[in-house]
Amino acid sequence: MAHTLEEKKKLLNRVRRIRGQVDAIERALDQEAECSDVLHNISACRGAMDALMAEVIEGHIRFHVLDPKTAPTDEQAQAADDLIHALRAYLK
């Protein structure tokens, strides 16, 4: 799925941070932490998941929707950028 080795490392690092955030949620629940603390942890985890989703969608658009073998037209490149920007704004 990752299209470059560098991209793969970046995505895996994001997943590892998310795993740490999920572990923090579990610990907070186990230790009967305040609801606000648990909600804050959940919110941070959701934000991290949304950021991961945005990265994967952007890669999909750039490598599977656009043809990576040919340079996109200016119109295609702009449409892809607009879609990526809209998705990132939605996932914030």
PDB file of N, CA and C in Angstrom:
ATOM      1  N   MET A   1       0.818  -1.183   0.000  1.00  0.00           N
ATOM      2  CA  MET A   1       0.000   0.000   0.000  1.00  0.00           C
ATOM      3  C   MET A   1       0.859   1.243   0.000  1.00  0.00           C
ATOM      4  N   ALA A   2       1.870   1.311   0.875  1.00  0.00           N
ATOM      5  CA  ALA A   2       2.758   2.470   0.867  1.00  0.00           C
ATOM      6  C   ALA A   2       3.524   2.465  -0.447  1.00  0.00           C
ATOM      7  N   HIS A   3       3.668   3.621  -1.026  1.00  0.00           N
ATOM      8  CA  HIS A   3       4.241   3.696  -2.359  1.00  0.00           C
ATOM      9  C   HIS A   3       5.741   3.937  -2.357  1.00  0.00           C
ATOM     10  N   THR A   4       6.284   4.309  -1.220  1.00  0.00           N
ATOM     11  CA  THR A   4       7.734   4.442  -1.082  1.00  0.00           C
ATOM     12  C   THR A   4       8.136   3.922   0.289  1.00  0.00           C
ATOM     13  N   LEU A   5       9.409   3.597   0.432  1.00  0.00           N
ATOM     14  CA  LEU A   5       9.901   3.128   1.720  1.00  0.00           C
ATOM     15  C   LEU A   5       9.748   4.214   2.784  1.00  0.00           C
ATOM     16  N   GLU A   6      10.034   5.453   2.402  1.00  0.00           N
ATOM     17  CA  GLU A   6       9.901   6.569   3.349  1.00  0.00           C
ATOM     18  C   GLU A   6       8.445   6.741   3.790  1.00  0.00           C
ATOM     19  N   GLU A   7       7.531   6.621   2.839  1.00  0.00           N
ATOM     20  CA  GLU A   7       6.106   6.736   3.159  1.00  0.00           C
ATOM     21  C   GLU A   7       5.668   5.604   4.086  1.00  0.00           C
ATOM     22  N   LYS A   8       6.169   4.414   3.834  1.00  0.00           N
ATOM     23  CA  LYS A   8       5.832   3.267   4.686  1.00  0.00           C
ATOM     24  C   LYS A   8       6.271   3.530   6.118  1.00  0.00           C
ATOM     25  N   LYS A   9       7.497   4.014   6.296  1.00  0.00           N
ATOM     26  CA  LYS A   9       7.996   4.306   7.640  1.00  0.00           C
ATOM     27  C   LYS A   9       7.141   5.362   8.317  1.00  0.00           C
ATOM     28  N   LYS A  10       6.757   6.396   7.572  1.00  0.00           N
ATOM     29  CA  LYS A  10       5.942   7.470   8.129  1.00  0.00           C
ATOM     30  C   LYS A  10       4.573   6.947   8.584  1.00  0.00           C
ATOM     31  N   LEU A  11       3.954   6.120   7.745  1.00  0.00           N
ATOM     32  CA  LEU A  11       2.642   5.567   8.098  1.00  0.00           C
ATOM     33  C   LEU A  11       2.742   4.635   9.305  1.00  0.00           C
ATOM     34  N   LEU A  12       3.767   3.800   9.323  1.00  0.00           N
ATOM     35  CA  LEU A  12       3.940   2.893  10.466  1.00  0.00           C
ATOM     36  C   LEU A  12       4.199   3.666  11.758  1.00  0.00           C
ATOM     37  N   ASN A  13       4.948   4.752  11.690  1.00  0.00           N
ATOM     38  CA  ASN A  13       5.162   5.579  12.877  1.00  0.00           C
ATOM     39  C   ASN A  13       3.856   6.181  13.374  1.00  0.00           C
ATOM     40  N   ARG A  14       3.006   6.606  12.441  1.00  0.00           N
ATOM     41  CA  ARG A  14       1.688   7.127  12.832  1.00  0.00           C
ATOM     42  C   ARG A  14       0.875   6.049  13.550  1.00  0.00           C
ATOM     43  N   VAL A  15       0.891   4.839  12.997  1.00  0.00           N
ATOM     44  CA  VAL A  15       0.132   3.735  13.601  1.00  0.00           C
ATOM     45  C   VAL A  15       0.662   3.431  15.003  1.00  0.00           C
ATOM     46  N   ARG A  16       1.963   3.468  15.166  1.00  0.00           N
ATOM     47  CA  ARG A  16       2.545   3.198  16.487  1.00  0.00           C
ATOM     48  C   ARG A  16       2.150   4.271  17.503  1.00  0.00           C
ATOM     49  N   ARG A  17       2.093   5.524  17.057  1.00  0.00           N
ATOM     50  CA  ARG A  17       1.641   6.593  17.964  1.00  0.00           C
ATOM     51  C   ARG A  17       0.166   6.387  18.331  1.00  0.00           C
ATOM     52  N   ILE A  18      -0.628   5.988  17.342  1.00  0.00           N
ATOM     53  CA  ILE A  18      -2.047   5.714  17.609  1.00  0.00           C
ATOM     54  C   ILE A  18      -2.183   4.574  18.608  1.00  0.00           C
ATOM     55  N   ARG A  19      -1.378   3.532  18.440  1.00  0.00           N
ATOM     56  CA  ARG A  19      -1.420   2.409  19.383  1.00  0.00           C
ATOM     57  C   ARG A  19      -1.120   2.904  20.799  1.00  0.00           C
ATOM     58  N   GLY A  20      -0.148   3.799  20.931  1.00  0.00           N
ATOM     59  CA  GLY A  20       0.165   4.372  22.236  1.00  0.00           C
ATOM     60  C   GLY A  20      -1.000   5.161  22.794  1.00  0.00           C
ATOM     61  N   GLN A  21      -1.699   5.878  21.925  1.00  0.00           N
ATOM     62  CA  GLN A  21      -2.859   6.639  22.378  1.00  0.00           C
ATOM     63  C   GLN A  21      -3.993   5.719  22.822  1.00  0.00           C
ATOM     64  N   VAL A  22      -4.213   4.641  22.098  1.00  0.00           N
ATOM     65  CA  VAL A  22      -5.246   3.672  22.489  1.00  0.00           C
ATOM     66  C   VAL A  22      -4.872   3.025  23.816  1.00  0.00           C
ATOM     67  N   ASP A  23      -3.603   2.717  23.997  1.00  0.00           N
ATOM     68  CA  ASP A  23      -3.148   2.161  25.277  1.00  0.00           C
ATOM     69  C   ASP A  23      -3.403   3.154  26.414  1.00  0.00           C
ATOM     70  N   ALA A  24      -3.202   4.442  26.144  1.00  0.00           N
ATOM     71  CA  ALA A  24      -3.460   5.467  27.163  1.00  0.00           C
ATOM     72  C   ALA A  24      -4.940   5.522  27.518  1.00  0.00           C
ATOM     73  N   ILE A  25      -5.803   5.340  26.536  1.00  0.00           N
ATOM     74  CA  ILE A  25      -7.240   5.300  26.801  1.00  0.00           C
ATOM     75  C   ILE A  25      -7.565   4.108  27.697  1.00  0.00           C
ATOM     76  N   GLU A  26      -7.002   2.964  27.367  1.00  0.00           N
ATOM     77  CA  GLU A  26      -7.243   1.765  28.170  1.00  0.00           C
ATOM     78  C   GLU A  26      -6.780   1.969  29.615  1.00  0.00           C
ATOM     79  N   ARG A  27      -5.585   2.538  29.779  1.00  0.00           N
ATOM     80  CA  ARG A  27      -5.071   2.779  31.137  1.00  0.00           C
ATOM     81  C   ARG A  27      -5.971   3.753  31.894  1.00  0.00           C
ATOM     82  N   ALA A  28      -6.411   4.797  31.215  1.00  0.00           N
ATOM     83  CA  ALA A  28      -7.272   5.786  31.863  1.00  0.00           C
ATOM     84  C   ALA A  28      -8.574   5.146  32.326  1.00  0.00           C
ATOM     85  N   LEU A  29      -9.152   4.307  31.495  1.00  0.00           N
ATOM     86  CA  LEU A  29     -10.391   3.629  31.877  1.00  0.00           C
ATOM     87  C   LEU A  29     -10.146   2.652  33.022  1.00  0.00           C
ATOM     88  N   ASP A  30      -9.051   1.921  32.929  1.00  0.00           N
ATOM     89  CA  ASP A  30      -8.723   0.947  33.972  1.00  0.00           C
ATOM     90  C   ASP A  30      -8.496   1.636  35.317  1.00  0.00           C
ATOM     91  N   GLN A  31      -7.892   2.813  35.289  1.00  0.00           N
ATOM     92  CA  GLN A  31      -7.593   3.540  36.518  1.00  0.00           C
ATOM     93  C   GLN A  31      -8.730   4.480  36.940  1.00  0.00           C
ATOM     94  N   GLU A  32      -9.855   4.351  36.253  1.00  0.00           N
ATOM     95  CA  GLU A  32     -11.044   5.147  36.546  1.00  0.00           C
ATOM     96  C   GLU A  32     -10.725   6.643  36.556  1.00  0.00           C
ATOM     97  N   ALA A  33     -10.046   7.077  35.515  1.00  0.00           N
ATOM     98  CA  ALA A  33      -9.686   8.489  35.369  1.00  0.00           C
ATOM     99  C   ALA A  33     -10.944   9.323  35.173  1.00  0.00           C
ATOM    100  N   GLU A  34     -10.791  10.613  35.341  1.00  0.00           N
ATOM    101  CA  GLU A  34     -11.911  11.542  35.132  1.00  0.00           C
ATOM    102  C   GLU A  34     -12.409  11.437  33.689  1.00  0.00           C
ATOM    103  N   CYS A  35     -13.706  11.613  33.506  1.00  0.00           N
ATOM    104  CA  CYS A  35     -14.308  11.535  32.174  1.00  0.00           C
ATOM    105  C   CYS A  35     -13.630  12.499  31.210  1.00  0.00           C
ATOM    106  N   SER A  36     -13.318  13.696  31.681  1.00  0.00           N
ATOM    107  CA  SER A  36     -12.707  14.688  30.795  1.00  0.00           C
ATOM    108  C   SER A  36     -11.343  14.214  30.290  1.00  0.00           C
ATOM    109  N   ASP A  37     -10.585  13.522  31.130  1.00  0.00           N
ATOM    110  CA  ASP A  37      -9.290  12.992  30.704  1.00  0.00           C
ATOM    111  C   ASP A  37      -9.465  11.897  29.655  1.00  0.00           C
ATOM    112  N   VAL A  38     -10.436  11.029  29.879  1.00  0.00           N
ATOM    113  CA  VAL A  38     -10.701   9.951  28.923  1.00  0.00           C
ATOM    114  C   VAL A  38     -11.161  10.546  27.592  1.00  0.00           C
ATOM    115  N   LEU A  39     -12.051  11.518  27.657  1.00  0.00           N
ATOM    116  CA  LEU A  39     -12.544  12.151  26.436  1.00  0.00           C
ATOM    117  C   LEU A  39     -11.421  12.850  25.678  1.00  0.00           C
ATOM    118  N   HIS A  40     -10.521  13.478  26.402  1.00  0.00           N
ATOM    119  CA  HIS A  40      -9.383  14.134  25.764  1.00  0.00           C
ATOM    120  C   HIS A  40      -8.513  13.104  25.049  1.00  0.00           C
ATOM    121  N   ASN A  41      -8.269  11.978  25.685  1.00  0.00           N
ATOM    122  CA  ASN A  41      -7.479  10.908  25.060  1.00  0.00           C
ATOM    123  C   ASN A  41      -8.173  10.349  23.813  1.00  0.00           C
ATOM    124  N   ILE A  42      -9.470  10.167  23.906  1.00  0.00           N
ATOM    125  CA  ILE A  42     -10.225   9.665  22.755  1.00  0.00           C
ATOM    126  C   ILE A  42     -10.170  10.666  21.612  1.00  0.00           C
ATOM    127  N   SER A  43     -10.311  11.929  21.938  1.00  0.00           N
ATOM    128  CA  SER A  43     -10.258  12.973  20.915  1.00  0.00           C
ATOM    129  C   SER A  43      -8.903  13.006  20.219  1.00  0.00           C
ATOM    130  N   ALA A  44      -7.833  12.885  20.987  1.00  0.00           N
ATOM    131  CA  ALA A  44      -6.492  12.873  20.406  1.00  0.00           C
ATOM    132  C   ALA A  44      -6.311  11.658  19.498  1.00  0.00           C
ATOM    133  N   CYS A  45      -6.824  10.531  19.915  1.00  0.00           N
ATOM    134  CA  CYS A  45      -6.714   9.307  19.120  1.00  0.00           C
ATOM    135  C   CYS A  45      -7.517   9.447  17.824  1.00  0.00           C
ATOM    136  N   ARG A  46      -8.685  10.010  17.927  1.00  0.00           N
ATOM    137  CA  ARG A  46      -9.510  10.211  16.729  1.00  0.00           C
ATOM    138  C   ARG A  46      -8.816  11.152  15.754  1.00  0.00           C
ATOM    139  N   GLY A  47      -8.221  12.213  16.262  1.00  0.00           N
ATOM    140  CA  GLY A  47      -7.485  13.130  15.394  1.00  0.00           C
ATOM    141  C   GLY A  47      -6.338  12.440  14.689  1.00  0.00           C
ATOM    142  N   ALA A  48      -5.637  11.580  15.411  1.00  0.00           N
ATOM    143  CA  ALA A  48      -4.528  10.842  14.814  1.00  0.00           C
ATOM    144  C   ALA A  48      -5.032   9.865  13.752  1.00  0.00           C
ATOM    145  N   MET A  49      -6.156   9.224  14.005  1.00  0.00           N
ATOM    146  CA  MET A  49      -6.734   8.310  13.018  1.00  0.00           C
ATOM    147  C   MET A  49      -7.170   9.071  11.772  1.00  0.00           C
ATOM    148  N   ASP A  50      -7.771  10.240  11.973  1.00  0.00           N
ATOM    149  CA  ASP A  50      -8.190  11.049  10.836  1.00  0.00           C
ATOM    150  C   ASP A  50      -6.983  11.489  10.005  1.00  0.00           C
ATOM    151  N   ALA A  51      -5.890  11.854  10.666  1.00  0.00           N
ATOM    152  CA  ALA A  51      -4.679  12.247   9.949  1.00  0.00           C
ATOM    153  C   ALA A  51      -4.113  11.066   9.159  1.00  0.00           C
ATOM    154  N   LEU A  52      -4.138   9.886   9.744  1.00  0.00           N
ATOM    155  CA  LEU A  52      -3.694   8.687   9.034  1.00  0.00           C
ATOM    156  C   LEU A  52      -4.583   8.434   7.826  1.00  0.00           C
ATOM    157  N   MET A  53      -5.884   8.554   8.009  1.00  0.00           N
ATOM    158  CA  MET A  53      -6.832   8.364   6.912  1.00  0.00           C
ATOM    159  C   MET A  53      -6.539   9.352   5.784  1.00  0.00           C
ATOM    160  N   ALA A  54      -6.273  10.600   6.117  1.00  0.00           N
ATOM    161  CA  ALA A  54      -5.980  11.618   5.110  1.00  0.00           C
ATOM    162  C   ALA A  54      -4.725  11.263   4.321  1.00  0.00           C
ATOM    163  N   GLU A  55      -3.698  10.776   5.008  1.00  0.00           N
ATOM    164  CA  GLU A  55      -2.458  10.388   4.329  1.00  0.00           C
ATOM    165  C   GLU A  55      -2.700   9.240   3.355  1.00  0.00           C
ATOM    166  N   VAL A  56      -3.446   8.238   3.786  1.00  0.00           N
ATOM    167  CA  VAL A  56      -3.702   7.074   2.937  1.00  0.00           C
ATOM    168  C   VAL A  56      -4.571   7.467   1.742  1.00  0.00           C
ATOM    169  N   ILE A  57      -5.582   8.297   1.974  1.00  0.00           N
ATOM    170  CA  ILE A  57      -6.435   8.741   0.867  1.00  0.00           C
ATOM    171  C   ILE A  57      -5.624   9.569  -0.131  1.00  0.00           C
ATOM    172  N   GLU A  58      -4.771  10.452   0.371  1.00  0.00           N
ATOM    173  CA  GLU A  58      -3.952  11.253  -0.535  1.00  0.00           C
ATOM    174  C   GLU A  58      -3.066  10.349  -1.398  1.00  0.00           C
ATOM    175  N   GLY A  59      -2.437   9.368  -0.793  1.00  0.00           N
ATOM    176  CA  GLY A  59      -1.623   8.430  -1.559  1.00  0.00           C
ATOM    177  C   GLY A  59      -2.440   7.692  -2.603  1.00  0.00           C
ATOM    178  N   HIS A  60      -3.638   7.305  -2.233  1.00  0.00           N
ATOM    179  CA  HIS A  60      -4.516   6.591  -3.172  1.00  0.00           C
ATOM    180  C   HIS A  60      -4.856   7.486  -4.364  1.00  0.00           C
ATOM    181  N   ILE A  61      -5.194   8.725  -4.085  1.00  0.00           N
ATOM    182  CA  ILE A  61      -5.536   9.653  -5.167  1.00  0.00           C
ATOM    183  C   ILE A  61      -4.335   9.860  -6.086  1.00  0.00           C
ATOM    184  N   ARG A  62      -3.181  10.106  -5.477  1.00  0.00           N
ATOM    185  CA  ARG A  62      -1.996  10.439  -6.280  1.00  0.00           C
ATOM    186  C   ARG A  62      -1.436   9.242  -7.052  1.00  0.00           C
ATOM    187  N   PHE A  63      -1.620   8.013  -6.545  1.00  0.00           N
ATOM    188  CA  PHE A  63      -1.010   6.852  -7.189  1.00  0.00           C
ATOM    189  C   PHE A  63      -2.001   5.904  -7.860  1.00  0.00           C
ATOM    190  N   HIS A  64      -3.306   6.075  -7.594  1.00  0.00           N
ATOM    191  CA  HIS A  64      -4.271   5.148  -8.191  1.00  0.00           C
ATOM    192  C   HIS A  64      -5.379   5.856  -8.955  1.00  0.00           C
ATOM    193  N   VAL A  65      -5.793   7.019  -8.494  1.00  0.00           N
ATOM    194  CA  VAL A  65      -6.814   7.759  -9.234  1.00  0.00           C
ATOM    195  C   VAL A  65      -6.145   8.481 -10.407  1.00  0.00           C
ATOM    196  N   LEU A  66      -5.066   9.207 -10.118  1.00  0.00           N
ATOM    197  CA  LEU A  66      -4.254   9.770 -11.188  1.00  0.00           C
ATOM    198  C   LEU A  66      -3.339   8.666 -11.700  1.00  0.00           C
ATOM    199  N   ASP A  67      -2.980   8.717 -12.958  1.00  0.00           N
ATOM    200  CA  ASP A  67      -2.081   7.708 -13.530  1.00  0.00           C
ATOM    201  C   ASP A  67      -0.643   8.105 -13.219  1.00  0.00           C
ATOM    202  N   PRO A  68       0.052   7.330 -12.364  1.00  0.00           N
ATOM    203  CA  PRO A  68       1.420   7.708 -11.994  1.00  0.00           C
ATOM    204  C   PRO A  68       2.417   7.580 -13.150  1.00  0.00           C
ATOM    205  N   LYS A  69       2.014   6.937 -14.236  1.00  0.00           N
ATOM    206  CA  LYS A  69       2.913   6.752 -15.383  1.00  0.00           C
ATOM    207  C   LYS A  69       2.951   7.975 -16.295  1.00  0.00           C
ATOM    208  N   THR A  70       1.938   8.821 -16.175  1.00  0.00           N
ATOM    209  CA  THR A  70       1.884  10.018 -17.014  1.00  0.00           C
ATOM    210  C   THR A  70       1.653  11.239 -16.133  1.00  0.00           C
ATOM    211  N   ALA A  71       2.169  12.351 -16.589  1.00  0.00           N
ATOM    212  CA  ALA A  71       1.963  13.601 -15.844  1.00  0.00           C
ATOM    213  C   ALA A  71       0.506  14.027 -15.994  1.00  0.00           C
ATOM    214  N   PRO A  72      -0.131  14.382 -14.879  1.00  0.00           N
ATOM    215  CA  PRO A  72      -1.525  14.821 -14.988  1.00  0.00           C
ATOM    216  C   PRO A  72      -1.605  16.178 -15.686  1.00  0.00           C
ATOM    217  N   THR A  73      -2.730  16.432 -16.297  1.00  0.00           N
ATOM    218  CA  THR A  73      -2.957  17.757 -16.862  1.00  0.00           C
ATOM    219  C   THR A  73      -3.071  18.739 -15.702  1.00  0.00           C
ATOM    220  N   ASP A  74      -2.961  20.006 -15.996  1.00  0.00           N
ATOM    221  CA  ASP A  74      -3.117  21.020 -14.949  1.00  0.00           C
ATOM    222  C   ASP A  74      -4.482  20.896 -14.280  1.00  0.00           C
ATOM    223  N   GLU A  75      -5.488  20.605 -15.090  1.00  0.00           N
ATOM    224  CA  GLU A  75      -6.850  20.468 -14.564  1.00  0.00           C
ATOM    225  C   GLU A  75      -6.958  19.247 -13.636  1.00  0.00           C
ATOM    226  N   GLN A  76      -6.357  18.136 -14.022  1.00  0.00           N
ATOM    227  CA  GLN A  76      -6.384  16.928 -13.190  1.00  0.00           C
ATOM    228  C   GLN A  76      -5.616  17.151 -11.888  1.00  0.00           C
ATOM    229  N   ALA A  77      -4.460  17.776 -11.983  1.00  0.00           N
ATOM    230  CA  ALA A  77      -3.659  18.040 -10.783  1.00  0.00           C
ATOM    231  C   ALA A  77      -4.413  18.961  -9.838  1.00  0.00           C
ATOM    232  N   GLN A  78      -5.064  19.979 -10.386  1.00  0.00           N
ATOM    233  CA  GLN A  78      -5.827  20.906  -9.547  1.00  0.00           C
ATOM    234  C   GLN A  78      -7.018  20.197  -8.908  1.00  0.00           C
ATOM    235  N   ALA A  79      -7.701  19.355  -9.671  1.00  0.00           N
ATOM    236  CA  ALA A  79      -8.843  18.610  -9.129  1.00  0.00           C
ATOM    237  C   ALA A  79      -8.396  17.682  -8.008  1.00  0.00           C
ATOM    238  N   ALA A  80      -7.262  17.006  -8.184  1.00  0.00           N
ATOM    239  CA  ALA A  80      -6.741  16.124  -7.140  1.00  0.00           C
ATOM    240  C   ALA A  80      -6.382  16.929  -5.894  1.00  0.00           C
ATOM    241  N   ASP A  81      -5.706  18.056  -6.077  1.00  0.00           N
ATOM    242  CA  ASP A  81      -5.346  18.906  -4.938  1.00  0.00           C
ATOM    243  C   ASP A  81      -6.588  19.421  -4.217  1.00  0.00           C
ATOM    244  N   ASP A  82      -7.608  19.820  -4.986  1.00  0.00           N
ATOM    245  CA  ASP A  82      -8.857  20.304  -4.382  1.00  0.00           C
ATOM    246  C   ASP A  82      -9.526  19.202  -3.563  1.00  0.00           C
ATOM    247  N   LEU A  83      -9.561  17.992  -4.097  1.00  0.00           N
ATOM    248  CA  LEU A  83     -10.169  16.868  -3.386  1.00  0.00           C
ATOM    249  C   LEU A  83      -9.398  16.551  -2.108  1.00  0.00           C
ATOM    250  N   ILE A  84      -8.087  16.520  -2.199  1.00  0.00           N
ATOM    251  CA  ILE A  84      -7.256  16.244  -1.025  1.00  0.00           C
ATOM    252  C   ILE A  84      -7.460  17.318   0.032  1.00  0.00           C
ATOM    253  N   HIS A  85      -7.498  18.573  -0.387  1.00  0.00           N
ATOM    254  CA  HIS A  85      -7.709  19.675   0.554  1.00  0.00           C
ATOM    255  C   HIS A  85      -9.083  19.546   1.230  1.00  0.00           C
ATOM    256  N   ALA A  86     -10.109  19.229   0.450  1.00  0.00           N
ATOM    257  CA  ALA A  86     -11.454  19.078   1.011  1.00  0.00           C
ATOM    258  C   ALA A  86     -11.509  17.929   2.012  1.00  0.00           C
ATOM    259  N   LEU A  87     -10.877  16.817   1.679  1.00  0.00           N
ATOM    260  CA  LEU A  87     -10.877  15.670   2.591  1.00  0.00           C
ATOM    261  C   LEU A  87     -10.127  15.987   3.886  1.00  0.00           C
ATOM    262  N   ARG A  88      -8.984  16.664   3.770  1.00  0.00           N
ATOM    263  CA  ARG A  88      -8.233  17.040   4.973  1.00  0.00           C
ATOM    264  C   ARG A  88      -9.048  17.980   5.861  1.00  0.00           C
ATOM    265  N   ALA A  89      -9.761  18.924   5.234  1.00  0.00           N
ATOM    266  CA  ALA A  89     -10.593  19.845   6.008  1.00  0.00           C
ATOM    267  C   ALA A  89     -11.735  19.079   6.691  1.00  0.00           C
ATOM    268  N   TYR A  90     -12.334  18.138   5.987  1.00  0.00           N
ATOM    269  CA  TYR A  90     -13.429  17.341   6.546  1.00  0.00           C
ATOM    270  C   TYR A  90     -12.941  16.485   7.721  1.00  0.00           C
ATOM    271  N   LEU A  91     -11.743  15.952   7.598  1.00  0.00           N
ATOM    272  CA  LEU A  91     -11.236  15.038   8.632  1.00  0.00           C
ATOM    273  C   LEU A  91     -10.624  15.757   9.829  1.00  0.00           C
ATOM    274  N   LYS A  92     -10.576  17.076   9.808  1.00  0.00           N
ATOM    275  CA  LYS A  92     -10.047  17.814  10.959  1.00  0.00           C
ATOM    276  C   LYS A  92     -11.010  17.793  12.103  1.00  0.00           C
TER     277      LYS A  92
END
